[in-house]
Structures are given as structure tokens and as C-alpha cells.
Amino acid sequence: MSDPVWSAVLTLALAGWVFSILALIFRAFPERDKFLRPEAGRWGGVALFFFLLWVVALINA
């Protein structure tokens, strides 16, 4: 039986992970042949956080 709280966290973490990966792509690469390292680090960290939260929620749901 799944826990409804962890299932909600699972769904939100997946949505946050997908959003942060899209933000990473569009913010770190604003135009052709241009890479913004601070933006990549920021959004990469957010993506990593949501990915780890998703894995923890998978284990506990």
C-alpha cells in the first residue's frame, strides 16, 4: 500500500526535476555558443535536489 503523503511528494519532486532541467537548458544556454556557468550551477543544484528528493520519495512511497 502506498503512502499518500509520499506519493504527493513523489509527484511534486518529479515535476520540480523536469522543470529545473528545462530551466537549466534554457538559462545556461541563452543563445548559440554561449554558456553561463553561474546559471548552470544554480539550476544544476536545484535539479540535483529534486532528483534526490524523487529517489527518496520512490523508496518511501
PDB file of N, CA and C in Angstrom:
ATOM      1  N   MET A   1       0.842  -1.174   0.000  1.00  0.00           N
ATOM      2  CA  MET A   1       0.000   0.000   0.000  1.00  0.00           C
ATOM      3  C   MET A   1       0.888   1.238   0.000  1.00  0.00           C
ATOM      4  N   SER A   2       0.543   2.195  -0.804  1.00  0.00           N
ATOM      5  CA  SER A   2       1.375   3.390  -0.882  1.00  0.00           C
ATOM      6  C   SER A   2       0.897   4.449   0.114  1.00  0.00           C
ATOM      7  N   ASP A   3       1.836   5.243   0.561  1.00  0.00           N
ATOM      8  CA  ASP A   3       1.552   6.331   1.480  1.00  0.00           C
ATOM      9  C   ASP A   3       1.154   7.558   0.661  1.00  0.00           C
ATOM     10  N   PRO A   4      -0.005   8.166   0.934  1.00  0.00           N
ATOM     11  CA  PRO A   4      -0.451   9.290   0.111  1.00  0.00           C
ATOM     12  C   PRO A   4       0.449  10.526   0.206  1.00  0.00           C
ATOM     13  N   VAL A   5       1.059  10.740   1.359  1.00  0.00           N
ATOM     14  CA  VAL A   5       1.941  11.902   1.508  1.00  0.00           C
ATOM     15  C   VAL A   5       3.185  11.724   0.645  1.00  0.00           C
ATOM     16  N   TRP A   6       3.801  10.549   0.711  1.00  0.00           N
ATOM     17  CA  TRP A   6       4.997  10.309  -0.100  1.00  0.00           C
ATOM     18  C   TRP A   6       4.658  10.267  -1.582  1.00  0.00           C
ATOM     19  N   SER A   7       3.467   9.832  -1.910  1.00  0.00           N
ATOM     20  CA  SER A   7       3.052   9.852  -3.313  1.00  0.00           C
ATOM     21  C   SER A   7       2.928  11.277  -3.828  1.00  0.00           C
ATOM     22  N   ALA A   8       2.414  12.165  -2.994  1.00  0.00           N
ATOM     23  CA  ALA A   8       2.331  13.584  -3.379  1.00  0.00           C
ATOM     24  C   ALA A   8       3.728  14.192  -3.513  1.00  0.00           C
ATOM     25  N   VAL A   9       4.606  13.869  -2.573  1.00  0.00           N
ATOM     26  CA  VAL A   9       5.985  14.353  -2.652  1.00  0.00           C
ATOM     27  C   VAL A   9       6.656  13.822  -3.912  1.00  0.00           C
ATOM     28  N   LEU A  10       6.385  12.572  -4.233  1.00  0.00           N
ATOM     29  CA  LEU A  10       6.933  11.942  -5.437  1.00  0.00           C
ATOM     30  C   LEU A  10       6.517  12.704  -6.688  1.00  0.00           C
ATOM     31  N   THR A  11       5.247  13.040  -6.796  1.00  0.00           N
ATOM     32  CA  THR A  11       4.743  13.760  -7.958  1.00  0.00           C
ATOM     33  C   THR A  11       5.338  15.164  -8.045  1.00  0.00           C
ATOM     34  N   LEU A  12       5.383  15.871  -6.921  1.00  0.00           N
ATOM     35  CA  LEU A  12       5.939  17.221  -6.919  1.00  0.00           C
ATOM     36  C   LEU A  12       7.440  17.218  -7.210  1.00  0.00           C
ATOM     37  N   ALA A  13       8.143  16.223  -6.688  1.00  0.00           N
ATOM     38  CA  ALA A  13       9.584  16.144  -6.933  1.00  0.00           C
ATOM     39  C   ALA A  13       9.876  15.861  -8.402  1.00  0.00           C
ATOM     40  N   LEU A  14       9.076  15.012  -9.030  1.00  0.00           N
ATOM     41  CA  LEU A  14       9.268  14.735 -10.447  1.00  0.00           C
ATOM     42  C   LEU A  14       9.003  15.983 -11.281  1.00  0.00           C
ATOM     43  N   ALA A  15       7.926  16.702 -10.958  1.00  0.00           N
ATOM     44  CA  ALA A  15       7.620  17.940 -11.679  1.00  0.00           C
ATOM     45  C   ALA A  15       8.724  18.976 -11.468  1.00  0.00           C
ATOM     46  N   GLY A  16       9.229  19.089 -10.254  1.00  0.00           N
ATOM     47  CA  GLY A  16      10.325  20.021  -9.974  1.00  0.00           C
ATOM     48  C   GLY A  16      11.594  19.649 -10.703  1.00  0.00           C
ATOM     49  N   TRP A  17      11.867  18.355 -10.806  1.00  0.00           N
ATOM     50  CA  TRP A  17      13.060  17.891 -11.508  1.00  0.00           C
ATOM     51  C   TRP A  17      12.968  18.215 -12.997  1.00  0.00           C
ATOM     52  N   VAL A  18      11.835  17.915 -13.598  1.00  0.00           N
ATOM     53  CA  VAL A  18      11.651  18.199 -15.029  1.00  0.00           C
ATOM     54  C   VAL A  18      11.739  19.700 -15.285  1.00  0.00           C
ATOM     55  N   PHE A  19      11.067  20.501 -14.466  1.00  0.00           N
ATOM     56  CA  PHE A  19      11.110  21.955 -14.625  1.00  0.00           C
ATOM     57  C   PHE A  19      12.529  22.493 -14.479  1.00  0.00           C
ATOM     58  N   SER A  20      13.260  22.000 -13.479  1.00  0.00           N
ATOM     59  CA  SER A  20      14.610  22.515 -13.257  1.00  0.00           C
ATOM     60  C   SER A  20      15.571  22.110 -14.373  1.00  0.00           C
ATOM     61  N   ILE A  21      15.382  20.938 -14.972  1.00  0.00           N
ATOM     62  CA  ILE A  21      16.213  20.548 -16.107  1.00  0.00           C
ATOM     63  C   ILE A  21      15.922  21.452 -17.307  1.00  0.00           C
ATOM     64  N   LEU A  22      14.644  21.747 -17.540  1.00  0.00           N
ATOM     65  CA  LEU A  22      14.297  22.670 -18.626  1.00  0.00           C
ATOM     66  C   LEU A  22      14.853  24.067 -18.360  1.00  0.00           C
ATOM     67  N   ALA A  23      14.761  24.522 -17.115  1.00  0.00           N
ATOM     68  CA  ALA A  23      15.323  25.825 -16.755  1.00  0.00           C
ATOM     69  C   ALA A  23      16.842  25.822 -16.933  1.00  0.00           C
ATOM     70  N   LEU A  24      17.487  24.728 -16.575  1.00  0.00           N
ATOM     71  CA  LEU A  24      18.932  24.611 -16.769  1.00  0.00           C
ATOM     72  C   LEU A  24      19.296  24.756 -18.247  1.00  0.00           C
ATOM     73  N   ILE A  25      18.560  24.077 -19.089  1.00  0.00           N
ATOM     74  CA  ILE A  25      18.857  24.126 -20.524  1.00  0.00           C
ATOM     75  C   ILE A  25      18.667  25.543 -21.066  1.00  0.00           C
ATOM     76  N   PHE A  26      17.544  26.159 -20.744  1.00  0.00           N
ATOM     77  CA  PHE A  26      17.239  27.461 -21.330  1.00  0.00           C
ATOM     78  C   PHE A  26      17.973  28.619 -20.662  1.00  0.00           C
ATOM     79  N   ARG A  27      18.338  28.501 -19.385  1.00  0.00           N
ATOM     80  CA  ARG A  27      19.042  29.583 -18.699  1.00  0.00           C
ATOM     81  C   ARG A  27      20.556  29.496 -18.888  1.00  0.00           C
ATOM     82  N   ALA A  28      21.103  28.302 -18.888  1.00  0.00           N
ATOM     83  CA  ALA A  28      22.556  28.152 -19.006  1.00  0.00           C
ATOM     84  C   ALA A  28      23.028  28.325 -20.440  1.00  0.00           C
ATOM     85  N   PHE A  29      22.148  28.081 -21.399  1.00  0.00           N
ATOM     86  CA  PHE A  29      22.477  28.249 -22.813  1.00  0.00           C
ATOM     87  C   PHE A  29      21.507  29.251 -23.432  1.00  0.00           C
ATOM     88  N   PRO A  30      21.680  30.557 -23.153  1.00  0.00           N
ATOM     89  CA  PRO A  30      20.693  31.537 -23.628  1.00  0.00           C
ATOM     90  C   PRO A  30      20.714  31.745 -25.144  1.00  0.00           C
ATOM     91  N   GLU A  31      21.854  31.537 -25.754  1.00  0.00           N
ATOM     92  CA  GLU A  31      21.961  31.661 -27.205  1.00  0.00           C
ATOM     93  C   GLU A  31      23.057  30.739 -27.702  1.00  0.00           C
ATOM     94  N   ARG A  32      23.166  30.618 -28.984  1.00  0.00           N
ATOM     95  CA  ARG A  32      24.124  29.692 -29.586  1.00  0.00           C
ATOM     96  C   ARG A  32      25.558  30.064 -29.191  1.00  0.00           C
ATOM     97  N   ASP A  33      26.344  29.061 -28.839  1.00  0.00           N
ATOM     98  CA  ASP A  33      27.752  29.204 -28.456  1.00  0.00           C
ATOM     99  C   ASP A  33      27.964  30.089 -27.230  1.00  0.00           C
ATOM    100  N   LYS A  34      26.991  30.136 -26.325  1.00  0.00           N
ATOM    101  CA  LYS A  34      27.130  30.900 -25.089  1.00  0.00           C
ATOM    102  C   LYS A  34      26.708  30.022 -23.925  1.00  0.00           C
ATOM    103  N   PHE A  35      27.551  29.971 -22.890  1.00  0.00           N
ATOM    104  CA  PHE A  35      27.292  29.151 -21.714  1.00  0.00           C
ATOM    105  C   PHE A  35      27.485  30.010 -20.471  1.00  0.00           C
ATOM    106  N   LEU A  36      26.479  30.062 -19.622  1.00  0.00           N
ATOM    107  CA  LEU A  36      26.548  30.839 -18.382  1.00  0.00           C
ATOM    108  C   LEU A  36      26.759  29.885 -17.209  1.00  0.00           C
ATOM    109  N   ARG A  37      27.981  29.857 -16.718  1.00  0.00           N
ATOM    110  CA  ARG A  37      28.349  28.924 -15.658  1.00  0.00           C
ATOM    111  C   ARG A  37      27.592  29.145 -14.345  1.00  0.00           C
ATOM    112  N   PRO A  38      27.401  30.385 -13.885  1.00  0.00           N
ATOM    113  CA  PRO A  38      26.643  30.551 -12.623  1.00  0.00           C
ATOM    114  C   PRO A  38      25.209  30.042 -12.725  1.00  0.00           C
ATOM    115  N   GLU A  39      24.556  30.295 -13.845  1.00  0.00           N
ATOM    116  CA  GLU A  39      23.190  29.797 -14.035  1.00  0.00           C
ATOM    117  C   GLU A  39      23.172  28.270 -14.087  1.00  0.00           C
ATOM    118  N   ALA A  40      24.163  27.698 -14.740  1.00  0.00           N
ATOM    119  CA  ALA A  40      24.237  26.235 -14.828  1.00  0.00           C
ATOM    120  C   ALA A  40      24.435  25.626 -13.440  1.00  0.00           C
ATOM    121  N   GLY A  41      25.280  26.230 -12.631  1.00  0.00           N
ATOM    122  CA  GLY A  41      25.493  25.728 -11.275  1.00  0.00           C
ATOM    123  C   GLY A  41      24.258  25.841 -10.414  1.00  0.00           C
ATOM    124  N   ARG A  42      23.573  26.957 -10.532  1.00  0.00           N
ATOM    125  CA  ARG A  42      22.368  27.181  -9.742  1.00  0.00           C
ATOM    126  C   ARG A  42      21.276  26.180 -10.120  1.00  0.00           C
ATOM    127  N   TRP A  43      20.955  26.099 -11.402  1.00  0.00           N
ATOM    128  CA  TRP A  43      19.882  25.203 -11.830  1.00  0.00           C
ATOM    129  C   TRP A  43      20.292  23.739 -11.757  1.00  0.00           C
ATOM    130  N   GLY A  44      21.574  23.463 -11.910  1.00  0.00           N
ATOM    131  CA  GLY A  44      22.047  22.095 -11.733  1.00  0.00           C
ATOM    132  C   GLY A  44      21.887  21.635 -10.296  1.00  0.00           C
ATOM    133  N   GLY A  45      22.144  22.531  -9.357  1.00  0.00           N
ATOM    134  CA  GLY A  45      21.942  22.206  -7.947  1.00  0.00           C
ATOM    135  C   GLY A  45      20.480  21.969  -7.612  1.00  0.00           C
ATOM    136  N   VAL A  46      19.610  22.793  -8.181  1.00  0.00           N
ATOM    137  CA  VAL A  46      18.174  22.611  -7.964  1.00  0.00           C
ATOM    138  C   VAL A  46      17.720  21.279  -8.564  1.00  0.00           C
ATOM    139  N   ALA A  47      18.218  20.959  -9.755  1.00  0.00           N
ATOM    140  CA  ALA A  47      17.859  19.696 -10.402  1.00  0.00           C
ATOM    141  C   ALA A  47      18.348  18.508  -9.577  1.00  0.00           C
ATOM    142  N   LEU A  48      19.539  18.598  -9.039  1.00  0.00           N
ATOM    143  CA  LEU A  48      20.069  17.529  -8.205  1.00  0.00           C
ATOM    144  C   LEU A  48      19.224  17.344  -6.942  1.00  0.00           C
ATOM    145  N   PHE A  49      18.834  18.451  -6.325  1.00  0.00           N
ATOM    146  CA  PHE A  49      17.982  18.378  -5.137  1.00  0.00           C
ATOM    147  C   PHE A  49      16.667  17.664  -5.439  1.00  0.00           C
ATOM    148  N   PHE A  50      15.992  18.074  -6.509  1.00  0.00           N
ATOM    149  CA  PHE A  50      14.711  17.451  -6.841  1.00  0.00           C
ATOM    150  C   PHE A  50      14.874  15.998  -7.258  1.00  0.00           C
ATOM    151  N   PHE A  51      15.971  15.672  -7.913  1.00  0.00           N
ATOM    152  CA  PHE A  51      16.216  14.280  -8.282  1.00  0.00           C
ATOM    153  C   PHE A  51      16.386  13.415  -7.034  1.00  0.00           C
ATOM    154  N   LEU A  52      17.185  13.884  -6.083  1.00  0.00           N
ATOM    155  CA  LEU A  52      17.391  13.116  -4.849  1.00  0.00           C
ATOM    156  C   LEU A  52      16.101  13.008  -4.040  1.00  0.00           C
ATOM    157  N   LEU A  53      15.311  14.084  -4.021  1.00  0.00           N
ATOM    158  CA  LEU A  53      14.020  14.036  -3.342  1.00  0.00           C
ATOM    159  C   LEU A  53      13.101  13.027  -4.016  1.00  0.00           C
ATOM    160  N   TRP A  54      13.150  12.964  -5.326  1.00  0.00           N
ATOM    161  CA  TRP A  54      12.343  11.998  -6.078  1.00  0.00           C
ATOM    162  C   TRP A  54      12.745  10.563  -5.729  1.00  0.00           C
ATOM    163  N   VAL A  55      14.052  10.317  -5.642  1.00  0.00           N
ATOM    164  CA  VAL A  55      14.528   8.971  -5.300  1.00  0.00           C
ATOM    165  C   VAL A  55      14.096   8.587  -3.880  1.00  0.00           C
ATOM    166  N   VAL A  56      14.231   9.512  -2.944  1.00  0.00           N
ATOM    167  CA  VAL A  56      13.812   9.239  -1.562  1.00  0.00           C
ATOM    168  C   VAL A  56      12.307   8.971  -1.502  1.00  0.00           C
ATOM    169  N   ALA A  57      11.530   9.754  -2.269  1.00  0.00           N
ATOM    170  CA  ALA A  57      10.088   9.536  -2.285  1.00  0.00           C
ATOM    171  C   ALA A  57       9.729   8.202  -2.940  1.00  0.00           C
ATOM    172  N   LEU A  58      10.488   7.784  -3.948  1.00  0.00           N
ATOM    173  CA  LEU A  58      10.263   6.477  -4.563  1.00  0.00           C
ATOM    174  C   LEU A  58      10.464   5.358  -3.542  1.00  0.00           C
ATOM    175  N   ILE A  59      11.487   5.498  -2.742  1.00  0.00           N
ATOM    176  CA  ILE A  59      11.786   4.465  -1.743  1.00  0.00           C
ATOM    177  C   ILE A  59      10.696   4.397  -0.678  1.00  0.00           C
ATOM    178  N   ASN A  60      10.158   5.571  -0.306  1.00  0.00           N
ATOM    179  CA  ASN A  60       9.212   5.629   0.822  1.00  0.00           C
ATOM    180  C   ASN A  60       7.747   5.550   0.423  1.00  0.00           C
ATOM    181  N   ALA A  61       7.437   5.714  -0.838  1.00  0.00           N
ATOM    182  CA  ALA A  61       6.010   5.726  -1.250  1.00  0.00           C
ATOM    183  C   ALA A  61       5.419   4.334  -1.233  1.00  0.00           C
TER     184      ALA A  61
END
